[in-house]
Amino acid sequence: MTSTTGAAGSGRTRRDSPRRGNPVGRFFAAVALFIRQILDELRKVVRPTRHELVTYTGVVIFFVTTVMMYVWGLDQLINRLIAFSFGK
């Protein structure tokens, strides 16, 4: 019932075993596989249009400015409370 050519359910046969062959060859084969996988993933990337890029940039600048103003306001409030508490 079970095959002796590989691990159960892994789909790997004995000839595909990573322990066989030249270690240097395996290393370069692994690097080549890694680069092929990177290129495959880069082909899937969808670049934004100019309009989307401008819109997203505007949203980020607005959000960062709003958070900066909020933090600055809290800083000013805390400074005034400390100055009032310890007398300046």
C-alpha atoms as a PDB file:
ATOM      1  CA  MET A   1       0.000   0.000   0.000  1.00  0.00           C
ATOM      2  CA  THR A   2       2.645   2.567   0.964  1.00  0.00           C
ATOM      3  CA  SER A   3       5.528   3.361  -1.294  1.00  0.00           C
ATOM      4  CA  THR A   4       9.103   3.048  -0.089  1.00  0.00           C
ATOM      5  CA  THR A   5      10.371   5.652  -2.543  1.00  0.00           C
ATOM      6  CA  GLY A   6       9.649   8.718  -0.407  1.00  0.00           C
ATOM      7  CA  ALA A   7       7.985  10.208   2.603  1.00  0.00           C
ATOM      8  CA  ALA A   8       4.307   9.465   2.949  1.00  0.00           C
ATOM      9  CA  GLY A   9       2.214  12.187   1.381  1.00  0.00           C
ATOM     10  CA  SER A  10       5.121  14.480   0.550  1.00  0.00           C
ATOM     11  CA  GLY A  11       5.068  13.806  -3.177  1.00  0.00           C
ATOM     12  CA  ARG A  12       8.879  13.628  -3.158  1.00  0.00           C
ATOM     13  CA  THR A  13      10.518  10.637  -4.738  1.00  0.00           C
ATOM     14  CA  ARG A  14      13.844   9.157  -3.741  1.00  0.00           C
ATOM     15  CA  ARG A  15      15.653  10.641  -6.747  1.00  0.00           C
ATOM     16  CA  ASP A  16      14.485  14.150  -5.720  1.00  0.00           C
ATOM     17  CA  SER A  17      16.031  13.732  -2.298  1.00  0.00           C
ATOM     18  CA  PRO A  18      18.076  16.782  -1.243  1.00  0.00           C
ATOM     19  CA  ARG A  19      20.843  14.527   0.136  1.00  0.00           C
ATOM     20  CA  ARG A  20      21.963  13.197  -3.244  1.00  0.00           C
ATOM     21  CA  GLY A  21      24.424  14.825  -5.594  1.00  0.00           C
ATOM     22  CA  ASN A  22      27.189  17.340  -5.302  1.00  0.00           C
ATOM     23  CA  PRO A  23      26.717  19.791  -2.381  1.00  0.00           C
ATOM     24  CA  VAL A  24      28.014  22.697  -4.470  1.00  0.00           C
ATOM     25  CA  GLY A  25      25.631  21.784  -7.279  1.00  0.00           C
ATOM     26  CA  ARG A  26      22.733  21.579  -4.820  1.00  0.00           C
ATOM     27  CA  PHE A  27      23.656  24.998  -3.451  1.00  0.00           C
ATOM     28  CA  PHE A  28      23.653  26.650  -6.882  1.00  0.00           C
ATOM     29  CA  ALA A  29      20.450  24.826  -7.832  1.00  0.00           C
ATOM     30  CA  ALA A  30      18.819  26.168  -4.675  1.00  0.00           C
ATOM     31  CA  VAL A  31      20.022  29.701  -5.459  1.00  0.00           C
ATOM     32  CA  ALA A  32      18.707  29.392  -9.025  1.00  0.00           C
ATOM     33  CA  LEU A  33      15.339  28.168  -7.715  1.00  0.00           C
ATOM     34  CA  PHE A  34      15.209  31.071  -5.261  1.00  0.00           C
ATOM     35  CA  ILE A  35      15.891  33.600  -8.027  1.00  0.00           C
ATOM     36  CA  ARG A  36      13.262  32.000 -10.289  1.00  0.00           C
ATOM     37  CA  GLN A  37      10.721  32.249  -7.463  1.00  0.00           C
ATOM     38  CA  ILE A  38      11.608  35.910  -6.898  1.00  0.00           C
ATOM     39  CA  LEU A  39      11.123  36.691 -10.580  1.00  0.00           C
ATOM     40  CA  ASP A  40       7.795  34.823 -10.605  1.00  0.00           C
ATOM     41  CA  GLU A  41       6.574  36.907  -7.665  1.00  0.00           C
ATOM     42  CA  LEU A  42       7.775  40.151  -9.253  1.00  0.00           C
ATOM     43  CA  ARG A  43       5.736  39.358 -12.366  1.00  0.00           C
ATOM     44  CA  LYS A  44       2.616  39.298 -10.154  1.00  0.00           C
ATOM     45  CA  VAL A  45       3.196  42.837  -8.859  1.00  0.00           C
ATOM     46  CA  VAL A  46       0.582  45.365  -9.975  1.00  0.00           C
ATOM     47  CA  ARG A  47       1.957  48.875 -10.154  1.00  0.00           C
ATOM     48  CA  PRO A  48      -0.390  51.740  -9.266  1.00  0.00           C
ATOM     49  CA  THR A  49      -1.494  54.223 -11.889  1.00  0.00           C
ATOM     50  CA  ARG A  50      -0.357  57.840 -11.661  1.00  0.00           C
ATOM     51  CA  HIS A  51      -3.756  58.887 -10.285  1.00  0.00           C
ATOM     52  CA  GLU A  52      -3.690  56.178  -7.585  1.00  0.00           C
ATOM     53  CA  LEU A  53      -0.137  57.121  -6.633  1.00  0.00           C
ATOM     54  CA  VAL A  54      -1.022  60.807  -6.239  1.00  0.00           C
ATOM     55  CA  THR A  55      -4.160  59.928  -4.260  1.00  0.00           C
ATOM     56  CA  TYR A  56      -2.343  57.549  -1.888  1.00  0.00           C
ATOM     57  CA  THR A  57       0.487  60.045  -1.397  1.00  0.00           C
ATOM     58  CA  GLY A  58      -1.999  62.762  -0.483  1.00  0.00           C
ATOM     59  CA  VAL A  59      -3.759  60.493   2.007  1.00  0.00           C
ATOM     60  CA  VAL A  60      -0.465  59.544   3.664  1.00  0.00           C
ATOM     61  CA  ILE A  61       0.707  63.168   3.914  1.00  0.00           C
ATOM     62  CA  PHE A  62      -2.650  64.227   5.393  1.00  0.00           C
ATOM     63  CA  PHE A  63      -2.651  61.373   7.918  1.00  0.00           C
ATOM     64  CA  VAL A  64       0.946  61.969   9.015  1.00  0.00           C
ATOM     65  CA  THR A  65       0.317  65.714   9.370  1.00  0.00           C
ATOM     66  CA  THR A  66      -2.812  65.063  11.453  1.00  0.00           C
ATOM     67  CA  VAL A  67      -0.980  62.664  13.777  1.00  0.00           C
ATOM     68  CA  MET A  68       1.936  65.125  14.090  1.00  0.00           C
ATOM     69  CA  MET A  69      -0.439  67.918  15.111  1.00  0.00           C
ATOM     70  CA  TYR A  70      -2.135  65.634  17.659  1.00  0.00           C
ATOM     71  CA  VAL A  71       1.186  64.604  19.218  1.00  0.00           C
ATOM     72  CA  TRP A  72       2.402  68.234  19.233  1.00  0.00           C
ATOM     73  CA  GLY A  73      -0.816  69.278  21.004  1.00  0.00           C
ATOM     74  CA  LEU A  74      -0.396  66.574  23.639  1.00  0.00           C
ATOM     75  CA  ASP A  75       3.229  67.620  24.114  1.00  0.00           C
ATOM     76  CA  GLN A  76       2.217  71.244  24.654  1.00  0.00           C
ATOM     77  CA  LEU A  77      -0.511  70.219  27.120  1.00  0.00           C
ATOM     78  CA  ILE A  78       1.859  68.015  29.112  1.00  0.00           C
ATOM     79  CA  ASN A  79       4.516  70.768  29.164  1.00  0.00           C
ATOM     80  CA  ARG A  80       1.986  73.284  30.509  1.00  0.00           C
ATOM     81  CA  LEU A  81       0.712  70.850  33.143  1.00  0.00           C
ATOM     82  CA  ILE A  82       4.260  70.147  34.304  1.00  0.00           C
ATOM     83  CA  ALA A  83       5.107  73.850  34.353  1.00  0.00           C
ATOM     84  CA  PHE A  84       1.932  74.610  36.328  1.00  0.00           C
ATOM     85  CA  SER A  85       2.552  71.725  38.763  1.00  0.00           C
ATOM     86  CA  PHE A  86       6.169  72.543  39.541  1.00  0.00           C
ATOM     87  CA  GLY A  87       5.902  76.305  39.113  1.00  0.00           C
ATOM     88  CA  LYS A  88       7.962  78.007  36.504  1.00  0.00           C
END
